[in-house]
Structures are given as structure tokens and as C-alpha cells.
């Protein structure tokens, strides 16, 4: 399914230790799996840094990289506990933000435009607070500054407990895929991937998700341009959270609503999401 991407890449940079077909960056005490592709000289050398959502990996941005790499250098990575990047102990999204900054250092990139989906947005917001000079702009896809609904925490913990166990994912996998993706064929692909990658490391990643701090009161400190893109049918993070975030940041560039989309519209509705990103990038020049 993903083979069509190769023709879209003008150049693939392979810096660091190779792990299979992907390079590994030994940074911030981590072994981070990443891909550096696209046009390194495009858009006056600006870089797009893609950070994925919980349970996902860097491949969830295949459609975005295919569309944008002809004119932009695109860096995407597997965050701790997902894809080919291990999690060896507890961590926070502040740590993940530092991982991403260290990856930019490894690649010799001074600053980037950060594109984060869900938890990728959590860490990107924290990078904008802790390292404002490294963040030229933020694109937040179905993300927020606040916390999970307290009524859902027990359900999340039960899901994680099942996920790291030995029983088949079964109805839990179906439910989670429906919540995140919502399209049966694409959901089936991710369920198959999840079934092969189940690991106790998930508990560390779940701790980062469920025990994160609320940064809503600090949104006014973020001075870079911020775009929100959100599925109107997202049950994981209601679209009202994106509306509130846009109202709180200094330079909100608006909220793009994706009709009928669940939690990952960049996968299910890439034509809408890609257009929104391209218009945001054009507005930065």
C-alpha cells in the first residue's frame, strides 16, 4: 500500500545508525527511529517535523509526506514505545519534546514547523513552550492542551492492561481502531500491525498519556503561528478543545473542520488535511 511513496521522494537522507531500512538516532539517551526525506532545499530550507499519535507510528503521515516532500524537507519519527523506538522507562511529553529537539540537533536543523497528531500535538505544544526558538509554527491535528475526561481514565487503563496481555485484541482492537480511524479497511490494517507489536513498553507510553500535566493556562506564552485541524466526529478529543486552544494562543491561524472524520483525519481525509497544511505553510512565507 505504501509503495507509491517512493516515487514522490526527491531525496532520502540516511543519517545515523541504520536499523533495517530506517536510520536510528542515538540522542537524549534514546534510540529514535526516523525518516528524513523530501527536498532539503525546498521552501528556503524549512523543515516539517511530523509527530504521530498514541498507538500509531511515523507511517501514519504517509499521505502528508507524499504530498509535501516535493517542496519540503520532511522529518518523521517513532516516539518512545511505538514503531521501532523503544521505551525503557517512564517518561513525559516534556521528555518527548526534548527527544524531538535532540533529533533536530542530530540532523543539523535549527528550527522546524511541527506537525503533531493527538499526542504528537501534546509534545509539540510543550516544545513550543520549552524551546520556542526551535518551533517556527504548529499544526495540531486532533490535539489539545488539556487532559482526558476523568470519566474515561478507567476505561483507558483497562484497555492498556488488555493491550499488554496475551489475549487477542479482539473487540478492544476493533473499538480503538473505530475511535481513531473509523474506516473498516484502514482499521483492519492497523489492527494487524498492533497485533504484531504488543509490548509491556505500552505501559510507559500510557503513563505519559494519562498522567500528563494540563498546559492550558500556558497557551498564551506560545507566540508562533498555530493551526488546528480536527475531525468533526472525533470522540477521543472533542472539537471544542481545538476551538478553545485557538482562542487561547497568541497567533491562532484558525480551525479547519473535517466533516465526518474521526480522530485521525490526516489518514482518512488527506485531501482536506494536506490542503490545510499547504495553505498554512504558504501563510508563513
C-alpha atoms as a PDB file:
ATOM      1  CA  UNK A   1       0.000   0.000   0.000  1.00  0.00           C
ATOM      2  CA  UNK A   2       2.815   2.384   0.837  1.00  0.00           C
ATOM      3  CA  UNK A   3       4.987   1.641  -2.192  1.00  0.00           C
ATOM      4  CA  UNK A   4       3.653   4.605  -4.139  1.00  0.00           C
ATOM      5  CA  UNK A   5       5.521   6.938  -1.793  1.00  0.00           C
ATOM      6  CA  UNK A   6       8.951   6.148  -3.184  1.00  0.00           C
ATOM      7  CA  UNK A   7       8.285   7.948  -6.440  1.00  0.00           C
ATOM      8  CA  UNK A   8       7.343  11.106  -4.559  1.00  0.00           C
ATOM      9  CA  UNK A   9      10.588  11.421  -2.646  1.00  0.00           C
ATOM     10  CA  UNK A  10      13.170  13.597  -4.390  1.00  0.00           C
ATOM     11  CA  UNK A  11      15.834  12.652  -1.870  1.00  0.00           C
ATOM     12  CA  UNK A  12      16.105  10.449   1.185  1.00  0.00           C
ATOM     13  CA  UNK A  13      18.729  11.396   3.748  1.00  0.00           C
ATOM     14  CA  UNK A  14      20.138   8.475   5.708  1.00  0.00           C
ATOM     15  CA  UNK A  15      21.994   9.925   8.650  1.00  0.00           C
ATOM     16  CA  UNK A  16      22.845   7.910  11.739  1.00  0.00           C
ATOM     17  CA  UNK A  17      22.832   4.207  12.584  1.00  0.00           C
ATOM     18  CA  UNK A  18      20.877   2.042  10.175  1.00  0.00           C
ATOM     19  CA  UNK A  19      18.103  -0.184  11.552  1.00  0.00           C
ATOM     20  CA  UNK A  20      16.637  -2.202   8.719  1.00  0.00           C
ATOM     21  CA  UNK A  21      15.689   0.349   6.072  1.00  0.00           C
ATOM     22  CA  UNK A  22      15.447   3.259   8.519  1.00  0.00           C
ATOM     23  CA  UNK A  23      18.157   5.238  10.333  1.00  0.00           C
ATOM     24  CA  UNK A  24      18.389   5.359  14.114  1.00  0.00           C
ATOM     25  CA  UNK A  25      19.470   8.488  16.010  1.00  0.00           C
ATOM     26  CA  UNK A  26      21.202   7.892  19.338  1.00  0.00           C
ATOM     27  CA  UNK A  27      20.046  11.084  21.103  1.00  0.00           C
ATOM     28  CA  UNK A  28      18.772  12.169  24.515  1.00  0.00           C
ATOM     29  CA  UNK A  29      19.526   8.710  25.893  1.00  0.00           C
ATOM     30  CA  UNK A  30      17.172   7.156  23.323  1.00  0.00           C
ATOM     31  CA  UNK A  31      17.375   5.171  20.098  1.00  0.00           C
ATOM     32  CA  UNK A  32      14.975   7.032  17.836  1.00  0.00           C
ATOM     33  CA  UNK A  33      13.787   5.550  14.559  1.00  0.00           C
ATOM     34  CA  UNK A  34      13.212   8.285  11.989  1.00  0.00           C
ATOM     35  CA  UNK A  35      12.981   9.165   8.323  1.00  0.00           C
ATOM     36  CA  UNK A  36      14.419  12.283   6.691  1.00  0.00           C
ATOM     37  CA  UNK A  37      13.071  12.735   3.174  1.00  0.00           C
ATOM     38  CA  UNK A  38      11.944  15.229   0.586  1.00  0.00           C
ATOM     39  CA  UNK A  39      13.630  18.329  -0.769  1.00  0.00           C
ATOM     40  CA  UNK A  40      16.324  19.587   1.642  1.00  0.00           C
ATOM     41  CA  UNK A  41      16.477  22.914  -0.187  1.00  0.00           C
ATOM     42  CA  UNK A  42      12.746  23.422  -0.580  1.00  0.00           C
ATOM     43  CA  UNK A  43      10.902  26.404   0.886  1.00  0.00           C
ATOM     44  CA  UNK A  44      14.220  28.087   1.660  1.00  0.00           C
ATOM     45  CA  UNK A  45      15.367  25.098   3.692  1.00  0.00           C
ATOM     46  CA  UNK A  46      12.429  24.914   6.088  1.00  0.00           C
ATOM     47  CA  UNK A  47      11.749  21.534   7.688  1.00  0.00           C
ATOM     48  CA  UNK A  48       8.446  19.857   8.546  1.00  0.00           C
ATOM     49  CA  UNK A  49       8.649  17.666  11.672  1.00  0.00           C
ATOM     50  CA  UNK A  50       5.829  15.104  11.957  1.00  0.00           C
ATOM     51  CA  UNK A  51       4.941  13.550  15.344  1.00  0.00           C
ATOM     52  CA  UNK A  52       2.364  10.771  15.446  1.00  0.00           C
ATOM     53  CA  UNK A  53      -0.489   9.904  17.793  1.00  0.00           C
ATOM     54  CA  UNK A  54      -0.803   7.317  20.551  1.00  0.00           C
ATOM     55  CA  UNK A  55      -0.639   3.696  19.273  1.00  0.00           C
ATOM     56  CA  UNK A  56       0.498   4.918  15.859  1.00  0.00           C
ATOM     57  CA  UNK A  57       3.918   5.331  14.221  1.00  0.00           C
ATOM     58  CA  UNK A  58       5.596   7.536  11.621  1.00  0.00           C
ATOM     59  CA  UNK A  59       3.779   5.817   8.739  1.00  0.00           C
ATOM     60  CA  UNK A  60       0.500   7.473   9.686  1.00  0.00           C
ATOM     61  CA  UNK A  61       1.827  10.536   7.810  1.00  0.00           C
ATOM     62  CA  UNK A  62       2.413   8.701   4.526  1.00  0.00           C
ATOM     63  CA  UNK A  63      -0.152  10.814   2.683  1.00  0.00           C
ATOM     64  CA  UNK A  64       1.268  14.071   4.029  1.00  0.00           C
ATOM     65  CA  UNK A  65       4.870  13.231   3.154  1.00  0.00           C
ATOM     66  CA  UNK A  66       3.829  12.063  -0.307  1.00  0.00           C
ATOM     67  CA  UNK A  67       2.095  15.390  -0.930  1.00  0.00           C
ATOM     68  CA  UNK A  68       4.615  17.731   0.688  1.00  0.00           C
ATOM     69  CA  UNK A  69       8.039  16.184   0.146  1.00  0.00           C
ATOM     70  CA  UNK A  70       8.367  17.543  -3.393  1.00  0.00           C
ATOM     71  CA  UNK A  71       8.815  21.029  -1.946  1.00  0.00           C
ATOM     72  CA  UNK A  72       9.675  20.500   1.723  1.00  0.00           C
ATOM     73  CA  UNK A  73      12.163  18.525   3.751  1.00  0.00           C
ATOM     74  CA  UNK A  74      10.055  16.148   5.849  1.00  0.00           C
ATOM     75  CA  UNK A  75      11.250  14.503   9.068  1.00  0.00           C
ATOM     76  CA  UNK A  76       9.040  11.959  10.815  1.00  0.00           C
ATOM     77  CA  UNK A  77       9.896   9.726  13.731  1.00  0.00           C
ATOM     78  CA  UNK A  78       8.651   6.967  16.024  1.00  0.00           C
ATOM     79  CA  UNK A  79       8.072   8.266  19.540  1.00  0.00           C
ATOM     80  CA  UNK A  80       9.026   6.272  22.635  1.00  0.00           C
ATOM     81  CA  UNK A  81       7.227   2.932  22.859  1.00  0.00           C
ATOM     82  CA  UNK A  82       5.916   2.942  19.279  1.00  0.00           C
ATOM     83  CA  UNK A  83       7.188   1.723  15.933  1.00  0.00           C
ATOM     84  CA  UNK A  84      10.892   0.905  16.191  1.00  0.00           C
ATOM     85  CA  UNK A  85      11.683   3.332  19.039  1.00  0.00           C
ATOM     86  CA  UNK A  86      11.784   1.574  22.431  1.00  0.00           C
ATOM     87  CA  UNK A  87      10.626   2.952  25.767  1.00  0.00           C
ATOM     88  CA  UNK A  88      12.917   1.754  28.551  1.00  0.00           C
ATOM     89  CA  UNK A  89      11.251   3.523  31.474  1.00  0.00           C
ATOM     90  CA  UNK A  90       8.685   6.136  32.494  1.00  0.00           C
ATOM     91  CA  UNK A  91       8.700   9.425  30.580  1.00  0.00           C
ATOM     92  CA  UNK A  92       6.598  12.533  29.999  1.00  0.00           C
ATOM     93  CA  UNK A  93       5.645  14.539  26.938  1.00  0.00           C
ATOM     94  CA  UNK A  94       8.213  17.102  28.042  1.00  0.00           C
ATOM     95  CA  UNK A  95      10.772  14.304  27.596  1.00  0.00           C
ATOM     96  CA  UNK A  96       9.287  13.533  24.177  1.00  0.00           C
ATOM     97  CA  UNK A  97       9.595  17.203  23.205  1.00  0.00           C
ATOM     98  CA  UNK A  98      13.260  17.019  24.185  1.00  0.00           C
ATOM     99  CA  UNK A  99      13.626  13.851  22.101  1.00  0.00           C
ATOM    100  CA  UNK A 100      12.338  15.712  19.060  1.00  0.00           C
ATOM    101  CA  UNK A 101      14.625  18.695  19.650  1.00  0.00           C
ATOM    102  CA  UNK A 102      17.579  16.324  20.047  1.00  0.00           C
ATOM    103  CA  UNK A 103      16.625  14.678  16.765  1.00  0.00           C
ATOM    104  CA  UNK A 104      16.674  18.099  15.079  1.00  0.00           C
ATOM    105  CA  UNK A 105      20.123  18.674  16.596  1.00  0.00           C
ATOM    106  CA  UNK A 106      21.248  15.318  15.224  1.00  0.00           C
ATOM    107  CA  UNK A 107      20.095  16.372  11.758  1.00  0.00           C
ATOM    108  CA  UNK A 108      21.615  19.843  11.988  1.00  0.00           C
ATOM    109  CA  UNK A 109      18.198  21.535  11.888  1.00  0.00           C
ATOM    110  CA  UNK A 110      17.902  24.785  13.839  1.00  0.00           C
ATOM    111  CA  UNK A 111      14.103  25.019  13.796  1.00  0.00           C
ATOM    112  CA  UNK A 112      11.117  23.361  12.161  1.00  0.00           C
ATOM    113  CA  UNK A 113       7.412  23.589  11.569  1.00  0.00           C
ATOM    114  CA  UNK A 114       5.969  20.992  13.942  1.00  0.00           C
ATOM    115  CA  UNK A 115       3.010  18.925  12.739  1.00  0.00           C
ATOM    116  CA  UNK A 116       1.574  16.774  15.529  1.00  0.00           C
ATOM    117  CA  UNK A 117      -1.424  14.454  15.635  1.00  0.00           C
ATOM    118  CA  UNK A 118      -3.037  13.914  19.070  1.00  0.00           C
ATOM    119  CA  UNK A 119      -0.120  13.014  21.400  1.00  0.00           C
ATOM    120  CA  UNK A 120       2.192  14.349  18.701  1.00  0.00           C
ATOM    121  CA  UNK A 121       0.459  17.655  19.312  1.00  0.00           C
ATOM    122  CA  UNK A 122       0.891  17.276  23.076  1.00  0.00           C
ATOM    123  CA  UNK A 123       4.656  17.067  22.703  1.00  0.00           C
ATOM    124  CA  UNK A 124       4.756  19.777  20.021  1.00  0.00           C
ATOM    125  CA  UNK A 125       2.941  22.244  22.277  1.00  0.00           C
ATOM    126  CA  UNK A 126       5.426  21.503  25.035  1.00  0.00           C
ATOM    127  CA  UNK A 127       8.309  22.039  22.609  1.00  0.00           C
ATOM    128  CA  UNK A 128       6.858  25.456  21.745  1.00  0.00           C
ATOM    129  CA  UNK A 129       6.880  26.300  25.470  1.00  0.00           C
ATOM    130  CA  UNK A 130      10.276  24.837  26.387  1.00  0.00           C
ATOM    131  CA  UNK A 131      12.137  25.542  23.123  1.00  0.00           C
ATOM    132  CA  UNK A 132      10.331  28.418  21.363  1.00  0.00           C
ATOM    133  CA  UNK A 133      13.337  29.157  19.159  1.00  0.00           C
ATOM    134  CA  UNK A 134      13.076  25.659  17.647  1.00  0.00           C
ATOM    135  CA  UNK A 135       9.407  25.956  16.633  1.00  0.00           C
ATOM    136  CA  UNK A 136       8.533  28.109  13.609  1.00  0.00           C
ATOM    137  CA  UNK A 137       4.898  27.070  13.639  1.00  0.00           C
ATOM    138  CA  UNK A 138       2.483  24.414  14.879  1.00  0.00           C
ATOM    139  CA  UNK A 139      -0.077  22.325  13.029  1.00  0.00           C
ATOM    140  CA  UNK A 140      -2.180  20.433  15.564  1.00  0.00           C
ATOM    141  CA  UNK A 141      -4.274  17.567  14.198  1.00  0.00           C
ATOM    142  CA  UNK A 142      -6.998  16.470  16.635  1.00  0.00           C
ATOM    143  CA  UNK A 143      -4.986  17.567  19.646  1.00  0.00           C
ATOM    144  CA  UNK A 144      -5.498  19.680  22.752  1.00  0.00           C
ATOM    145  CA  UNK A 145      -3.766  21.346  25.687  1.00  0.00           C
ATOM    146  CA  UNK A 146      -5.878  19.803  28.440  1.00  0.00           C
ATOM    147  CA  UNK A 147      -6.396  16.363  29.932  1.00  0.00           C
ATOM    148  CA  UNK A 148      -8.545  13.333  29.267  1.00  0.00           C
ATOM    149  CA  UNK A 149     -12.099  13.297  30.549  1.00  0.00           C
ATOM    150  CA  UNK A 150     -11.791  11.857  34.095  1.00  0.00           C
ATOM    151  CA  UNK A 151     -14.733   9.586  33.334  1.00  0.00           C
ATOM    152  CA  UNK A 152     -12.708   7.863  30.596  1.00  0.00           C
ATOM    153  CA  UNK A 153      -9.483   7.235  32.545  1.00  0.00           C
ATOM    154  CA  UNK A 154     -10.523   3.870  33.977  1.00  0.00           C
ATOM    155  CA  UNK A 155     -11.519   2.727  30.504  1.00  0.00           C
ATOM    156  CA  UNK A 156      -8.163   3.755  29.104  1.00  0.00           C
ATOM    157  CA  UNK A 157      -6.309   1.899  31.856  1.00  0.00           C
ATOM    158  CA  UNK A 158      -8.389  -1.245  31.237  1.00  0.00           C
ATOM    159  CA  UNK A 159      -7.620  -1.012  27.529  1.00  0.00           C
ATOM    160  CA  UNK A 160      -3.882  -0.706  28.186  1.00  0.00           C
ATOM    161  CA  UNK A 161      -3.970  -3.664  30.578  1.00  0.00           C
ATOM    162  CA  UNK A 162      -5.607  -5.775  27.884  1.00  0.00           C
ATOM    163  CA  UNK A 163      -3.229  -4.448  25.223  1.00  0.00           C
ATOM    164  CA  UNK A 164      -0.084  -5.586  27.020  1.00  0.00           C
ATOM    165  CA  UNK A 165      -1.584  -9.001  27.847  1.00  0.00           C
ATOM    166  CA  UNK A 166      -1.577 -12.241  25.899  1.00  0.00           C
ATOM    167  CA  UNK A 167      -5.231 -12.364  24.848  1.00  0.00           C
ATOM    168  CA  UNK A 168      -6.114 -11.420  21.240  1.00  0.00           C
ATOM    169  CA  UNK A 169      -7.003  -7.746  20.801  1.00  0.00           C
ATOM    170  CA  UNK A 170     -10.478  -8.768  19.692  1.00  0.00           C
ATOM    171  CA  UNK A 171     -13.251  -6.265  20.381  1.00  0.00           C
ATOM    172  CA  UNK A 172     -10.780  -3.905  22.083  1.00  0.00           C
ATOM    173  CA  UNK A 173      -8.767  -3.587  18.880  1.00  0.00           C
ATOM    174  CA  UNK A 174     -11.938  -3.046  16.862  1.00  0.00           C
ATOM    175  CA  UNK A 175     -13.148  -0.359  19.251  1.00  0.00           C
ATOM    176  CA  UNK A 176      -9.834   1.509  19.350  1.00  0.00           C
ATOM    177  CA  UNK A 177      -9.466   1.383  15.564  1.00  0.00           C
ATOM    178  CA  UNK A 178     -13.000   2.704  15.191  1.00  0.00           C
ATOM    179  CA  UNK A 179     -12.262   5.509  17.616  1.00  0.00           C
ATOM    180  CA  UNK A 180      -9.015   6.561  15.942  1.00  0.00           C
ATOM    181  CA  UNK A 181      -9.629   5.761  12.284  1.00  0.00           C
ATOM    182  CA  UNK A 182     -13.244   4.844  11.645  1.00  0.00           C
ATOM    183  CA  UNK A 183     -12.752   3.305   8.198  1.00  0.00           C
ATOM    184  CA  UNK A 184     -13.025  -0.528   8.208  1.00  0.00           C
ATOM    185  CA  UNK A 185     -10.313  -1.349   5.650  1.00  0.00           C
ATOM    186  CA  UNK A 186      -7.742   1.039   7.103  1.00  0.00           C
ATOM    187  CA  UNK A 187      -8.697  -0.010  10.624  1.00  0.00           C
ATOM    188  CA  UNK A 188      -8.036  -3.656   9.741  1.00  0.00           C
ATOM    189  CA  UNK A 189      -4.515  -2.775   8.567  1.00  0.00           C
ATOM    190  CA  UNK A 190      -3.684  -1.071  11.843  1.00  0.00           C
ATOM    191  CA  UNK A 191      -5.232  -3.821  13.959  1.00  0.00           C
ATOM    192  CA  UNK A 192      -2.956  -6.301  12.192  1.00  0.00           C
ATOM    193  CA  UNK A 193       0.036  -4.050  12.871  1.00  0.00           C
ATOM    194  CA  UNK A 194      -0.905  -3.600  16.533  1.00  0.00           C
ATOM    195  CA  UNK A 195      -1.314  -7.357  16.997  1.00  0.00           C
ATOM    196  CA  UNK A 196       2.332  -7.855  15.999  1.00  0.00           C
ATOM    197  CA  UNK A 197       3.727  -5.078  18.201  1.00  0.00           C
ATOM    198  CA  UNK A 198       2.112  -5.592  21.599  1.00  0.00           C
ATOM    199  CA  UNK A 199       4.612  -4.955  24.368  1.00  0.00           C
ATOM    200  CA  UNK A 200       4.835  -4.098  28.091  1.00  0.00           C
ATOM    201  CA  UNK A 201       6.510  -0.865  26.916  1.00  0.00           C
ATOM    202  CA  UNK A 202       2.975   0.350  26.265  1.00  0.00           C
ATOM    203  CA  UNK A 203       2.602   0.959  29.995  1.00  0.00           C
ATOM    204  CA  UNK A 204       5.338   3.620  29.880  1.00  0.00           C
ATOM    205  CA  UNK A 205       3.649   5.336  26.931  1.00  0.00           C
ATOM    206  CA  UNK A 206       0.283   5.104  28.668  1.00  0.00           C
ATOM    207  CA  UNK A 207       1.758   6.791  31.722  1.00  0.00           C
ATOM    208  CA  UNK A 208       2.837   9.733  29.579  1.00  0.00           C
ATOM    209  CA  UNK A 209      -0.665   9.979  28.142  1.00  0.00           C
ATOM    210  CA  UNK A 210      -2.783   9.535  31.245  1.00  0.00           C
ATOM    211  CA  UNK A 211      -0.576  11.309  33.796  1.00  0.00           C
ATOM    212  CA  UNK A 212       0.336  14.340  31.672  1.00  0.00           C
ATOM    213  CA  UNK A 213       0.031  17.865  33.008  1.00  0.00           C
ATOM    214  CA  UNK A 214      -2.519  20.413  31.848  1.00  0.00           C
ATOM    215  CA  UNK A 215      -0.822  23.258  29.951  1.00  0.00           C
ATOM    216  CA  UNK A 216      -3.962  25.189  29.074  1.00  0.00           C
ATOM    217  CA  UNK A 217      -3.039  28.128  31.307  1.00  0.00           C
ATOM    218  CA  UNK A 218       0.267  28.485  29.441  1.00  0.00           C
ATOM    219  CA  UNK A 219      -1.106  28.664  25.894  1.00  0.00           C
ATOM    220  CA  UNK A 220      -0.764  32.442  25.909  1.00  0.00           C
ATOM    221  CA  UNK A 221       3.012  32.005  26.106  1.00  0.00           C
ATOM    222  CA  UNK A 222       3.093  30.390  22.654  1.00  0.00           C
ATOM    223  CA  UNK A 223       3.884  33.090  20.119  1.00  0.00           C
ATOM    224  CA  UNK A 224       4.377  31.091  16.913  1.00  0.00           C
ATOM    225  CA  UNK A 225       1.527  30.633  14.399  1.00  0.00           C
ATOM    226  CA  UNK A 226      -0.788  27.756  15.313  1.00  0.00           C
ATOM    227  CA  UNK A 227      -3.245  25.942  13.034  1.00  0.00           C
ATOM    228  CA  UNK A 228      -5.736  23.365  14.274  1.00  0.00           C
ATOM    229  CA  UNK A 229      -7.232  20.651  12.050  1.00  0.00           C
ATOM    230  CA  UNK A 230      -9.896  18.472  13.636  1.00  0.00           C
ATOM    231  CA  UNK A 231     -12.342  15.717  12.713  1.00  0.00           C
ATOM    232  CA  UNK A 232     -15.897  16.761  13.449  1.00  0.00           C
ATOM    233  CA  UNK A 233     -16.765  13.217  14.576  1.00  0.00           C
ATOM    234  CA  UNK A 234     -13.725  12.846  16.876  1.00  0.00           C
ATOM    235  CA  UNK A 235     -14.880  11.103  20.068  1.00  0.00           C
ATOM    236  CA  UNK A 236     -11.422  10.941  21.655  1.00  0.00           C
ATOM    237  CA  UNK A 237     -10.829  14.719  21.706  1.00  0.00           C
ATOM    238  CA  UNK A 238     -13.953  16.823  21.085  1.00  0.00           C
ATOM    239  CA  UNK A 239     -13.574  19.578  18.525  1.00  0.00           C
ATOM    240  CA  UNK A 240     -14.452  22.114  21.220  1.00  0.00           C
ATOM    241  CA  UNK A 241     -10.963  21.541  22.655  1.00  0.00           C
ATOM    242  CA  UNK A 242      -9.453  22.788  19.399  1.00  0.00           C
ATOM    243  CA  UNK A 243     -11.752  25.805  19.401  1.00  0.00           C
ATOM    244  CA  UNK A 244     -10.621  26.712  22.918  1.00  0.00           C
ATOM    245  CA  UNK A 245      -6.962  26.272  22.010  1.00  0.00           C
ATOM    246  CA  UNK A 246      -7.264  28.567  19.007  1.00  0.00           C
ATOM    247  CA  UNK A 247      -8.851  31.222  21.199  1.00  0.00           C
ATOM    248  CA  UNK A 248      -6.048  30.986  23.765  1.00  0.00           C
ATOM    249  CA  UNK A 249      -2.870  31.130  21.650  1.00  0.00           C
ATOM    250  CA  UNK A 250      -1.431  34.462  20.515  1.00  0.00           C
ATOM    251  CA  UNK A 251      -1.341  33.726  16.784  1.00  0.00           C
ATOM    252  CA  UNK A 252      -4.117  31.279  16.053  1.00  0.00           C
ATOM    253  CA  UNK A 253      -4.466  30.678  12.326  1.00  0.00           C
ATOM    254  CA  UNK A 254      -7.877  29.051  12.594  1.00  0.00           C
ATOM    255  CA  UNK A 255      -9.584  25.688  12.894  1.00  0.00           C
ATOM    256  CA  UNK A 256     -10.124  23.508   9.827  1.00  0.00           C
ATOM    257  CA  UNK A 257     -13.045  21.145  10.411  1.00  0.00           C
ATOM    258  CA  UNK A 258     -13.032  17.782   8.663  1.00  0.00           C
ATOM    259  CA  UNK A 259     -16.647  16.647   8.189  1.00  0.00           C
ATOM    260  CA  UNK A 260     -17.407  13.103   9.338  1.00  0.00           C
ATOM    261  CA  UNK A 261     -13.808  12.377  10.305  1.00  0.00           C
ATOM    262  CA  UNK A 262     -12.787  10.595  13.489  1.00  0.00           C
ATOM    263  CA  UNK A 263      -9.523  11.092  15.396  1.00  0.00           C
ATOM    264  CA  UNK A 264      -7.047  10.717  12.513  1.00  0.00           C
ATOM    265  CA  UNK A 265      -8.317  12.767   9.567  1.00  0.00           C
ATOM    266  CA  UNK A 266      -4.815  13.003   8.100  1.00  0.00           C
ATOM    267  CA  UNK A 267      -5.211   9.301   7.195  1.00  0.00           C
ATOM    268  CA  UNK A 268      -8.897   9.214   6.270  1.00  0.00           C
ATOM    269  CA  UNK A 269      -9.252  12.632   4.630  1.00  0.00           C
ATOM    270  CA  UNK A 270      -5.757  13.580   3.454  1.00  0.00           C
ATOM    271  CA  UNK A 271      -7.027  15.846   0.678  1.00  0.00           C
ATOM    272  CA  UNK A 272      -8.588  18.182   3.254  1.00  0.00           C
ATOM    273  CA  UNK A 273      -5.732  17.969   5.746  1.00  0.00           C
ATOM    274  CA  UNK A 274      -2.986  18.375   3.147  1.00  0.00           C
ATOM    275  CA  UNK A 275      -4.676  21.436   1.662  1.00  0.00           C
ATOM    276  CA  UNK A 276      -4.966  22.980   5.129  1.00  0.00           C
ATOM    277  CA  UNK A 277      -1.274  22.355   5.835  1.00  0.00           C
ATOM    278  CA  UNK A 278      -0.214  23.751   2.452  1.00  0.00           C
ATOM    279  CA  UNK A 279      -2.236  26.937   2.979  1.00  0.00           C
ATOM    280  CA  UNK A 280      -0.795  27.334   6.470  1.00  0.00           C
ATOM    281  CA  UNK A 281       2.747  26.922   5.141  1.00  0.00           C
ATOM    282  CA  UNK A 282       2.083  29.441   2.378  1.00  0.00           C
ATOM    283  CA  UNK A 283       0.960  31.920   5.022  1.00  0.00           C
ATOM    284  CA  UNK A 284       4.258  31.619   6.889  1.00  0.00           C
ATOM    285  CA  UNK A 285       6.340  32.926   3.986  1.00  0.00           C
END
